[in-house]
Amino acid sequence: MSYFKDIIKSLMVGIIVSLVLIIISGLCSILVNGNNIKNTLDIMKNTLFIIGAFGLLLFSGFILKRDSRRSLIYEKQWKEKFKIIQFQNVLMFIAIMILCFGIILDRIIYYF
């Protein structure tokens, strides 16, 4: 049961990070490009895809490195937030949620 709670928590963090990225990239795009909605959505989508891809690359680097599974510096605080899931797996779930939001924006642009 605690495993599913950790997954839900990491997915919620991914949703929050995705929304923050959408807001920041959208505001920057509006400041630079003006009120062109299609370009703004495209820049938000590209931002999500780039950051989500970097997150998955970082996750794969943690998997490939031998001592990446060592204990964290703030392991006690980490165990208070996530009981079972390790840092690498939380990073993976966050990156997947960011990419899912990018896919949703891509579908919106396609039908817009």
N, C-alpha and C. Protein backbone atom coordinates (compact mmCIF):
# COMPACT_ATOMS: atom_id res chain seq x y z
N MET A 1 0.81 -1.19 0.00
CA MET A 1 0.00 0.00 0.00
C MET A 1 0.86 1.26 0.00
N SER A 2 1.94 1.21 0.76
CA SER A 2 2.83 2.37 0.83
C SER A 2 3.52 2.62 -0.51
N TYR A 3 3.72 1.54 -1.27
CA TYR A 3 4.34 1.67 -2.59
C TYR A 3 3.46 2.51 -3.52
N PHE A 4 2.15 2.27 -3.49
CA PHE A 4 1.23 3.03 -4.34
C PHE A 4 1.12 4.48 -3.88
N LYS A 5 1.19 4.72 -2.57
CA LYS A 5 1.18 6.09 -2.07
C LYS A 5 2.39 6.85 -2.57
N ASP A 6 3.55 6.18 -2.58
CA ASP A 6 4.76 6.83 -3.08
C ASP A 6 4.65 7.14 -4.57
N ILE A 7 4.05 6.23 -5.32
CA ILE A 7 3.87 6.47 -6.76
C ILE A 7 2.93 7.64 -6.98
N ILE A 8 1.83 7.69 -6.23
CA ILE A 8 0.87 8.79 -6.36
C ILE A 8 1.54 10.12 -5.99
N LYS A 9 2.34 10.11 -4.93
CA LYS A 9 3.04 11.34 -4.54
C LYS A 9 3.98 11.81 -5.63
N SER A 10 4.73 10.87 -6.22
CA SER A 10 5.68 11.27 -7.26
C SER A 10 4.94 11.74 -8.52
N LEU A 11 3.80 11.16 -8.83
CA LEU A 11 3.00 11.63 -9.97
C LEU A 11 2.44 13.03 -9.70
N MET A 12 2.04 13.29 -8.47
CA MET A 12 1.55 14.62 -8.12
C MET A 12 2.67 15.66 -8.23
N VAL A 13 3.87 15.29 -7.81
CA VAL A 13 5.01 16.20 -7.97
C VAL A 13 5.26 16.45 -9.45
N GLY A 14 5.13 15.41 -10.27
CA GLY A 14 5.29 15.57 -11.72
C GLY A 14 4.24 16.50 -12.31
N ILE A 15 3.01 16.41 -11.83
CA ILE A 15 1.95 17.30 -12.31
C ILE A 15 2.26 18.75 -11.93
N ILE A 16 2.69 18.96 -10.69
CA ILE A 16 3.00 20.32 -10.24
C ILE A 16 4.17 20.90 -11.03
N VAL A 17 5.21 20.09 -11.23
CA VAL A 17 6.37 20.56 -12.01
C VAL A 17 5.96 20.88 -13.44
N SER A 18 5.11 20.04 -14.02
CA SER A 18 4.65 20.28 -15.39
C SER A 18 3.86 21.58 -15.49
N LEU A 19 2.98 21.82 -14.55
CA LEU A 19 2.19 23.05 -14.58
C LEU A 19 3.07 24.29 -14.39
N VAL A 20 4.07 24.19 -13.52
CA VAL A 20 4.99 25.32 -13.34
C VAL A 20 5.77 25.58 -14.62
N LEU A 21 6.23 24.51 -15.27
CA LEU A 21 6.95 24.67 -16.54
C LEU A 21 6.06 25.27 -17.62
N ILE A 22 4.80 24.86 -17.66
CA ILE A 22 3.86 25.41 -18.64
C ILE A 22 3.65 26.90 -18.40
N ILE A 23 3.47 27.28 -17.15
CA ILE A 23 3.24 28.69 -16.83
C ILE A 23 4.46 29.54 -17.16
N ILE A 24 5.65 29.09 -16.75
CA ILE A 24 6.87 29.87 -17.00
C ILE A 24 7.15 29.98 -18.49
N SER A 25 7.10 28.86 -19.21
CA SER A 25 7.40 28.93 -20.64
C SER A 25 6.32 29.69 -21.40
N GLY A 26 5.07 29.59 -20.96
CA GLY A 26 3.99 30.34 -21.60
C GLY A 26 4.15 31.84 -21.41
N LEU A 27 4.49 32.26 -20.19
CA LEU A 27 4.69 33.68 -19.94
C LEU A 27 5.89 34.23 -20.72
N CYS A 28 6.98 33.48 -20.75
CA CYS A 28 8.16 33.91 -21.52
C CYS A 28 7.83 33.98 -23.01
N SER A 29 7.06 33.03 -23.50
CA SER A 29 6.69 33.03 -24.91
C SER A 29 5.79 34.20 -25.26
N ILE A 30 4.86 34.52 -24.38
CA ILE A 30 3.98 35.67 -24.62
C ILE A 30 4.77 36.97 -24.60
N LEU A 31 5.75 37.06 -23.69
CA LEU A 31 6.57 38.27 -23.64
C LEU A 31 7.41 38.44 -24.90
N VAL A 32 7.90 37.34 -25.45
CA VAL A 32 8.78 37.42 -26.62
C VAL A 32 7.98 37.49 -27.92
N ASN A 33 6.98 36.62 -28.08
CA ASN A 33 6.26 36.50 -29.35
C ASN A 33 4.97 37.29 -29.43
N GLY A 34 4.48 37.78 -28.35
CA GLY A 34 3.18 38.45 -28.38
C GLY A 34 2.06 37.47 -28.12
N ASN A 35 0.88 37.75 -28.61
CA ASN A 35 -0.31 36.95 -28.31
C ASN A 35 -0.61 35.88 -29.35
N ASN A 36 0.38 35.35 -30.02
CA ASN A 36 0.16 34.28 -30.98
C ASN A 36 0.00 32.97 -30.21
N ILE A 37 -1.23 32.47 -30.10
CA ILE A 37 -1.53 31.33 -29.24
C ILE A 37 -0.89 30.04 -29.75
N LYS A 38 -0.83 29.85 -31.05
CA LYS A 38 -0.26 28.61 -31.58
C LYS A 38 1.24 28.53 -31.30
N ASN A 39 1.96 29.64 -31.47
CA ASN A 39 3.38 29.65 -31.16
C ASN A 39 3.62 29.47 -29.67
N THR A 40 2.77 30.05 -28.85
CA THR A 40 2.90 29.91 -27.40
C THR A 40 2.71 28.46 -26.99
N LEU A 41 1.68 27.80 -27.51
CA LEU A 41 1.46 26.39 -27.19
C LEU A 41 2.61 25.52 -27.69
N ASP A 42 3.16 25.86 -28.85
CA ASP A 42 4.26 25.09 -29.41
C ASP A 42 5.52 25.23 -28.55
N ILE A 43 5.79 26.42 -28.06
CA ILE A 43 6.95 26.62 -27.20
C ILE A 43 6.76 25.91 -25.86
N MET A 44 5.55 25.93 -25.33
CA MET A 44 5.29 25.20 -24.08
C MET A 44 5.48 23.70 -24.28
N LYS A 45 4.99 23.18 -25.41
CA LYS A 45 5.15 21.76 -25.71
C LYS A 45 6.62 21.39 -25.84
N ASN A 46 7.37 22.21 -26.58
CA ASN A 46 8.79 21.92 -26.78
C ASN A 46 9.57 21.98 -25.46
N THR A 47 9.21 22.91 -24.60
CA THR A 47 9.85 23.00 -23.28
C THR A 47 9.61 21.73 -22.48
N LEU A 48 8.37 21.26 -22.49
CA LEU A 48 8.05 20.04 -21.75
C LEU A 48 8.78 18.83 -22.32
N PHE A 49 8.84 18.72 -23.64
CA PHE A 49 9.53 17.59 -24.25
C PHE A 49 11.03 17.62 -23.94
N ILE A 50 11.64 18.78 -24.00
CA ILE A 50 13.09 18.87 -23.75
C ILE A 50 13.40 18.55 -22.29
N ILE A 51 12.67 19.12 -21.36
CA ILE A 51 12.95 18.87 -19.95
C ILE A 51 12.59 17.44 -19.56
N GLY A 52 11.51 16.90 -20.10
CA GLY A 52 11.16 15.50 -19.83
C GLY A 52 12.20 14.54 -20.38
N ALA A 53 12.73 14.84 -21.56
CA ALA A 53 13.77 13.98 -22.14
C ALA A 53 15.05 14.05 -21.31
N PHE A 54 15.42 15.24 -20.85
CA PHE A 54 16.60 15.35 -19.98
C PHE A 54 16.39 14.60 -18.67
N GLY A 55 15.18 14.63 -18.14
CA GLY A 55 14.89 13.88 -16.93
C GLY A 55 15.05 12.38 -17.12
N LEU A 56 14.59 11.87 -18.26
CA LEU A 56 14.76 10.43 -18.53
C LEU A 56 16.22 10.08 -18.80
N LEU A 57 16.97 10.99 -19.43
CA LEU A 57 18.40 10.75 -19.62
C LEU A 57 19.13 10.71 -18.27
N LEU A 58 18.75 11.61 -17.38
CA LEU A 58 19.34 11.61 -16.04
C LEU A 58 18.99 10.32 -15.30
N PHE A 59 17.75 9.88 -15.43
CA PHE A 59 17.33 8.62 -14.81
C PHE A 59 18.14 7.44 -15.35
N SER A 60 18.33 7.39 -16.67
CA SER A 60 19.10 6.28 -17.23
C SER A 60 20.56 6.35 -16.80
N GLY A 61 21.09 7.55 -16.62
CA GLY A 61 22.45 7.68 -16.10
C GLY A 61 22.56 7.15 -14.68
N PHE A 62 21.53 7.40 -13.86
CA PHE A 62 21.53 6.87 -12.50
C PHE A 62 21.45 5.35 -12.51
N ILE A 63 20.73 4.78 -13.45
CA ILE A 63 20.63 3.33 -13.52
C ILE A 63 21.96 2.71 -13.94
N LEU A 64 22.62 3.34 -14.91
CA LEU A 64 23.86 2.77 -15.44
C LEU A 64 25.05 2.94 -14.49
N LYS A 65 25.05 3.97 -13.67
CA LYS A 65 26.16 4.19 -12.76
C LYS A 65 26.06 3.21 -11.59
N ARG A 66 27.18 2.61 -11.25
CA ARG A 66 27.15 1.56 -10.24
C ARG A 66 26.75 2.04 -8.85
N ASP A 67 27.39 3.09 -8.36
CA ASP A 67 27.11 3.49 -6.99
C ASP A 67 26.08 4.61 -6.91
N SER A 68 25.19 4.68 -7.87
CA SER A 68 24.11 5.67 -7.77
C SER A 68 23.05 5.22 -6.78
N ARG A 69 23.07 3.97 -6.39
CA ARG A 69 22.10 3.46 -5.43
C ARG A 69 22.57 3.65 -3.98
N ARG A 70 23.69 4.36 -3.82
CA ARG A 70 24.17 4.59 -2.45
C ARG A 70 23.17 5.48 -1.71
N SER A 71 23.34 5.58 -0.42
CA SER A 71 22.37 6.34 0.37
C SER A 71 22.52 7.84 0.09
N LEU A 72 21.42 8.53 0.17
CA LEU A 72 21.40 9.96 -0.06
C LEU A 72 21.96 10.70 1.15
N ILE A 73 22.35 11.95 0.93
CA ILE A 73 22.85 12.76 2.03
C ILE A 73 21.72 13.04 3.03
N TYR A 74 20.55 13.34 2.51
CA TYR A 74 19.39 13.63 3.35
C TYR A 74 18.42 12.45 3.33
N GLU A 75 18.93 11.26 3.60
CA GLU A 75 18.10 10.06 3.48
C GLU A 75 16.95 10.05 4.49
N LYS A 76 17.19 10.57 5.68
CA LYS A 76 16.13 10.58 6.69
C LYS A 76 14.95 11.44 6.23
N GLN A 77 15.25 12.62 5.67
CA GLN A 77 14.18 13.48 5.18
C GLN A 77 13.50 12.86 3.96
N TRP A 78 14.28 12.15 3.14
CA TRP A 78 13.70 11.50 1.97
C TRP A 78 12.73 10.41 2.39
N LYS A 79 13.09 9.64 3.41
CA LYS A 79 12.22 8.56 3.88
C LYS A 79 10.94 9.09 4.52
N GLU A 80 10.96 10.34 4.99
CA GLU A 80 9.73 10.92 5.51
C GLU A 80 8.74 11.20 4.38
N LYS A 81 9.24 11.57 3.21
CA LYS A 81 8.38 11.89 2.07
C LYS A 81 7.99 10.64 1.29
N PHE A 82 8.97 9.80 0.98
CA PHE A 82 8.75 8.59 0.19
C PHE A 82 9.28 7.40 0.98
N LYS A 83 8.38 6.53 1.39
CA LYS A 83 8.76 5.42 2.27
C LYS A 83 9.56 4.33 1.54
N ILE A 84 9.16 3.98 0.32
CA ILE A 84 9.75 2.83 -0.37
C ILE A 84 10.54 3.24 -1.60
N ILE A 85 9.99 4.12 -2.41
CA ILE A 85 10.59 4.45 -3.71
C ILE A 85 11.86 5.26 -3.52
N GLN A 86 12.88 4.91 -4.31
CA GLN A 86 14.15 5.63 -4.28
C GLN A 86 14.09 6.86 -5.17
N PHE A 87 15.11 7.70 -5.04
CA PHE A 87 15.18 8.96 -5.77
C PHE A 87 15.12 8.76 -7.27
N GLN A 88 15.80 7.75 -7.79
CA GLN A 88 15.85 7.52 -9.23
C GLN A 88 14.46 7.25 -9.78
N ASN A 89 13.69 6.46 -9.08
CA ASN A 89 12.34 6.12 -9.55
C ASN A 89 11.40 7.32 -9.50
N VAL A 90 11.54 8.15 -8.48
CA VAL A 90 10.73 9.37 -8.41
C VAL A 90 11.07 10.28 -9.58
N LEU A 91 12.36 10.39 -9.90
CA LEU A 91 12.79 11.19 -11.05
C LEU A 91 12.17 10.66 -12.34
N MET A 92 12.11 9.34 -12.47
CA MET A 92 11.50 8.74 -13.66
C MET A 92 10.02 9.10 -13.76
N PHE A 93 9.28 8.98 -12.66
CA PHE A 93 7.85 9.29 -12.69
C PHE A 93 7.60 10.76 -13.00
N ILE A 94 8.44 11.65 -12.46
CA ILE A 94 8.29 13.07 -12.75
C ILE A 94 8.54 13.34 -14.23
N ALA A 95 9.59 12.74 -14.79
CA ALA A 95 9.90 12.95 -16.21
C ALA A 95 8.79 12.39 -17.10
N ILE A 96 8.22 11.26 -16.72
CA ILE A 96 7.12 10.69 -17.51
C ILE A 96 5.89 11.59 -17.46
N MET A 97 5.60 12.17 -16.30
CA MET A 97 4.45 13.09 -16.22
C MET A 97 4.69 14.34 -17.05
N ILE A 98 5.92 14.84 -17.06
CA ILE A 98 6.23 16.01 -17.88
C ILE A 98 6.02 15.68 -19.35
N LEU A 99 6.47 14.51 -19.77
CA LEU A 99 6.27 14.11 -21.17
C LEU A 99 4.79 13.89 -21.49
N CYS A 100 4.02 13.39 -20.54
CA CYS A 100 2.58 13.21 -20.77
C CYS A 100 1.89 14.55 -20.98
N PHE A 101 2.28 15.56 -20.21
CA PHE A 101 1.71 16.89 -20.43
C PHE A 101 2.13 17.44 -21.78
N GLY A 102 3.36 17.13 -22.21
CA GLY A 102 3.80 17.54 -23.54
C GLY A 102 2.97 16.89 -24.63
N ILE A 103 2.62 15.62 -24.44
CA ILE A 103 1.79 14.91 -25.41
C ILE A 103 0.39 15.52 -25.45
N ILE A 104 -0.15 15.88 -24.29
CA ILE A 104 -1.47 16.52 -24.25
C ILE A 104 -1.44 17.84 -25.00
N LEU A 105 -0.40 18.64 -24.78
CA LEU A 105 -0.29 19.90 -25.52
C LEU A 105 -0.12 19.67 -27.01
N ASP A 106 0.58 18.61 -27.39
CA ASP A 106 0.75 18.29 -28.80
C ASP A 106 -0.60 17.95 -29.43
N ARG A 107 -1.44 17.22 -28.73
CA ARG A 107 -2.77 16.90 -29.24
C ARG A 107 -3.63 18.16 -29.34
N ILE A 108 -3.50 19.05 -28.38
CA ILE A 108 -4.25 20.31 -28.43
C ILE A 108 -3.83 21.12 -29.65
N ILE A 109 -2.53 21.18 -29.91
CA ILE A 109 -2.03 21.92 -31.08
C ILE A 109 -2.52 21.26 -32.37
N TYR A 110 -2.55 19.94 -32.40
CA TYR A 110 -2.98 19.22 -33.60
C TYR A 110 -4.43 19.53 -33.96
N TYR A 111 -5.29 19.58 -32.95
CA TYR A 111 -6.71 19.83 -33.22
C TYR A 111 -7.06 21.31 -33.21
N PHE A 112 -6.09 22.17 -32.94
CA PHE A 112 -6.36 23.61 -32.86
C PHE A 112 -6.23 24.21 -34.20
